[in-house]
Amino acid sequence: MESTDAGLVFVAFAKSFNPFEAILHRMIGMEDNITDALFTFTRPITGAYYWCPPVKSGRLDLSKLGL
């Protein structure tokens, strides 16, 4: 049995979502209507962001959230 379904997991770290938003906007052509060449042979179906809260001295540090 041959399947054409496949997936890719991309993991990156940054102090905010801004760099990822900028890259995704560029890839889908929001700035100049030129989409990334990756989309000539792939089709994005879904996506997600995950947030890992910081840990300080072995405990969650939610101080930046005001908690």
N, C-alpha and C. Protein backbone atom coordinates (compact mmCIF):
# COMPACT_ATOMS: atom_id res chain seq x y z
N MET A 1 0.84 -1.18 0.00
CA MET A 1 0.00 0.00 0.00
C MET A 1 0.88 1.24 0.00
N GLU A 2 0.63 2.13 -0.92
CA GLU A 2 1.42 3.35 -1.03
C GLU A 2 0.59 4.54 -0.58
N SER A 3 1.17 5.39 0.21
CA SER A 3 0.46 6.56 0.71
C SER A 3 1.17 7.83 0.25
N THR A 4 0.39 8.81 -0.11
CA THR A 4 0.97 10.11 -0.46
C THR A 4 0.88 11.08 0.70
N ASP A 5 0.25 10.64 1.80
CA ASP A 5 0.15 11.49 2.98
C ASP A 5 1.45 11.43 3.77
N ALA A 6 1.96 12.57 4.13
CA ALA A 6 3.18 12.63 4.93
C ALA A 6 3.11 13.91 5.75
N GLY A 7 4.07 14.11 6.60
CA GLY A 7 4.05 15.29 7.44
C GLY A 7 5.44 15.77 7.78
N LEU A 8 5.49 16.95 8.30
CA LEU A 8 6.74 17.56 8.72
C LEU A 8 6.51 18.26 10.04
N VAL A 9 7.40 18.05 10.96
CA VAL A 9 7.35 18.75 12.23
C VAL A 9 8.54 19.69 12.26
N PHE A 10 8.28 20.95 12.46
CA PHE A 10 9.32 21.96 12.53
C PHE A 10 9.34 22.50 13.95
N VAL A 11 10.49 22.48 14.58
CA VAL A 11 10.63 22.97 15.94
C VAL A 11 11.64 24.10 15.95
N ALA A 12 11.26 25.20 16.56
CA ALA A 12 12.16 26.35 16.69
C ALA A 12 11.84 27.07 17.99
N PHE A 13 12.77 27.85 18.44
CA PHE A 13 12.59 28.58 19.69
C PHE A 13 12.84 30.06 19.47
N ALA A 14 12.03 30.89 20.09
CA ALA A 14 12.20 32.35 20.04
C ALA A 14 11.52 32.94 21.26
N LYS A 15 11.84 34.18 21.56
CA LYS A 15 11.23 34.78 22.74
C LYS A 15 9.84 35.33 22.46
N SER A 16 9.43 35.35 21.19
CA SER A 16 8.07 35.77 20.85
C SER A 16 7.64 35.06 19.56
N PHE A 17 6.37 35.17 19.22
CA PHE A 17 5.86 34.59 17.99
C PHE A 17 6.15 35.47 16.77
N ASN A 18 6.60 36.69 16.97
CA ASN A 18 6.79 37.65 15.87
C ASN A 18 7.67 37.14 14.73
N PRO A 19 8.83 36.54 15.00
CA PRO A 19 9.64 36.03 13.88
C PRO A 19 8.93 34.96 13.06
N PHE A 20 8.18 34.10 13.72
CA PHE A 20 7.46 33.04 13.01
C PHE A 20 6.33 33.62 12.16
N GLU A 21 5.62 34.59 12.72
CA GLU A 21 4.56 35.25 11.96
C GLU A 21 5.13 35.93 10.72
N ALA A 22 6.25 36.60 10.86
CA ALA A 22 6.88 37.29 9.72
C ALA A 22 7.27 36.29 8.63
N ILE A 23 7.85 35.17 9.02
CA ILE A 23 8.26 34.16 8.04
C ILE A 23 7.05 33.57 7.34
N LEU A 24 6.01 33.24 8.10
CA LEU A 24 4.81 32.65 7.49
C LEU A 24 4.13 33.64 6.56
N HIS A 25 4.05 34.90 6.94
CA HIS A 25 3.45 35.92 6.06
C HIS A 25 4.23 36.03 4.76
N ARG A 26 5.53 35.97 4.85
CA ARG A 26 6.38 36.02 3.66
C ARG A 26 6.16 34.79 2.79
N MET A 27 6.10 33.61 3.43
CA MET A 27 5.93 32.37 2.68
C MET A 27 4.62 32.33 1.89
N ILE A 28 3.55 32.87 2.47
CA ILE A 28 2.26 32.81 1.78
C ILE A 28 2.02 34.02 0.88
N GLY A 29 3.01 34.91 0.78
CA GLY A 29 2.94 36.02 -0.16
C GLY A 29 2.11 37.20 0.30
N MET A 30 1.95 37.39 1.60
CA MET A 30 1.14 38.52 2.09
C MET A 30 1.76 39.87 1.74
N GLU A 31 3.07 39.94 1.56
CA GLU A 31 3.74 41.21 1.29
C GLU A 31 3.79 41.54 -0.19
N ASP A 32 4.06 40.53 -1.02
CA ASP A 32 4.30 40.81 -2.44
C ASP A 32 3.57 39.87 -3.40
N ASN A 33 2.66 39.04 -2.86
CA ASN A 33 1.90 38.06 -3.65
C ASN A 33 2.78 37.00 -4.30
N ILE A 34 4.00 36.82 -3.82
CA ILE A 34 4.89 35.75 -4.31
C ILE A 34 4.94 34.69 -3.22
N THR A 35 4.40 33.51 -3.52
CA THR A 35 4.41 32.45 -2.52
C THR A 35 5.72 31.68 -2.58
N ASP A 36 6.04 31.04 -1.48
CA ASP A 36 7.26 30.26 -1.38
C ASP A 36 7.23 29.10 -2.38
N ALA A 37 8.37 28.80 -2.99
CA ALA A 37 8.47 27.71 -3.97
C ALA A 37 8.14 26.36 -3.36
N LEU A 38 8.24 26.24 -2.06
CA LEU A 38 7.88 25.00 -1.38
C LEU A 38 6.44 24.59 -1.70
N PHE A 39 5.58 25.58 -1.93
CA PHE A 39 4.18 25.30 -2.20
C PHE A 39 3.91 24.81 -3.62
N THR A 40 4.93 24.73 -4.45
CA THR A 40 4.72 24.18 -5.79
C THR A 40 4.59 22.66 -5.76
N PHE A 41 5.10 22.04 -4.69
CA PHE A 41 4.98 20.58 -4.59
C PHE A 41 4.47 20.11 -3.23
N THR A 42 4.03 21.03 -2.39
CA THR A 42 3.45 20.66 -1.10
C THR A 42 2.15 21.45 -0.90
N ARG A 43 1.35 20.98 0.03
CA ARG A 43 0.12 21.68 0.36
C ARG A 43 -0.04 21.68 1.88
N PRO A 44 0.09 22.85 2.51
CA PRO A 44 -0.09 22.89 3.96
C PRO A 44 -1.55 22.58 4.30
N ILE A 45 -1.74 21.73 5.29
CA ILE A 45 -3.09 21.35 5.70
C ILE A 45 -3.44 21.93 7.05
N THR A 46 -2.48 21.96 7.94
CA THR A 46 -2.74 22.45 9.28
C THR A 46 -1.45 23.02 9.88
N GLY A 47 -1.55 23.64 11.01
CA GLY A 47 -0.39 24.17 11.71
C GLY A 47 -0.75 24.48 13.15
N ALA A 48 0.24 24.68 13.97
CA ALA A 48 -0.02 24.95 15.38
C ALA A 48 1.20 25.62 16.00
N TYR A 49 0.95 26.37 17.05
CA TYR A 49 2.00 26.95 17.87
C TYR A 49 1.88 26.33 19.26
N TYR A 50 3.00 26.11 19.88
CA TYR A 50 3.01 25.62 21.26
C TYR A 50 3.91 26.53 22.07
N TRP A 51 3.50 26.81 23.28
CA TRP A 51 4.25 27.70 24.15
C TRP A 51 4.78 26.91 25.33
N CYS A 52 6.07 27.04 25.57
CA CYS A 52 6.69 26.40 26.73
C CYS A 52 7.01 27.48 27.73
N PRO A 53 6.35 27.50 28.86
CA PRO A 53 6.61 28.55 29.85
C PRO A 53 8.01 28.40 30.45
N PRO A 54 8.60 29.51 30.83
CA PRO A 54 9.94 29.45 31.42
C PRO A 54 9.92 28.82 32.82
N VAL A 55 11.05 28.24 33.16
CA VAL A 55 11.23 27.65 34.49
C VAL A 55 12.38 28.37 35.16
N LYS A 56 12.17 28.73 36.41
CA LYS A 56 13.21 29.41 37.19
C LYS A 56 13.32 28.70 38.54
N SER A 57 14.51 28.26 38.87
CA SER A 57 14.76 27.52 40.12
C SER A 57 13.85 26.31 40.25
N GLY A 58 13.63 25.61 39.12
CA GLY A 58 12.83 24.39 39.15
C GLY A 58 11.33 24.59 39.20
N ARG A 59 10.85 25.84 39.10
CA ARG A 59 9.42 26.13 39.16
C ARG A 59 9.01 26.97 37.96
N LEU A 60 7.75 26.84 37.56
CA LEU A 60 7.24 27.68 36.47
C LEU A 60 7.38 29.15 36.85
N ASP A 61 7.85 29.94 35.93
CA ASP A 61 7.97 31.39 36.15
C ASP A 61 6.99 32.10 35.23
N LEU A 62 5.83 32.41 35.75
CA LEU A 62 4.79 33.10 34.97
C LEU A 62 4.74 34.59 35.30
N SER A 63 5.82 35.13 35.84
CA SER A 63 5.85 36.53 36.24
C SER A 63 5.62 37.49 35.09
N LYS A 64 6.06 37.15 33.89
CA LYS A 64 5.87 38.03 32.72
C LYS A 64 4.39 38.12 32.33
N LEU A 65 3.60 37.16 32.78
CA LEU A 65 2.16 37.17 32.51
C LEU A 65 1.39 37.88 33.61
N GLY A 66 2.10 38.32 34.62
CA GLY A 66 1.45 38.99 35.74
C GLY A 66 0.76 38.01 36.68
N LEU A 67 1.20 36.76 36.64
CA LEU A 67 0.58 35.74 37.51
C LEU A 67 1.49 35.38 38.66
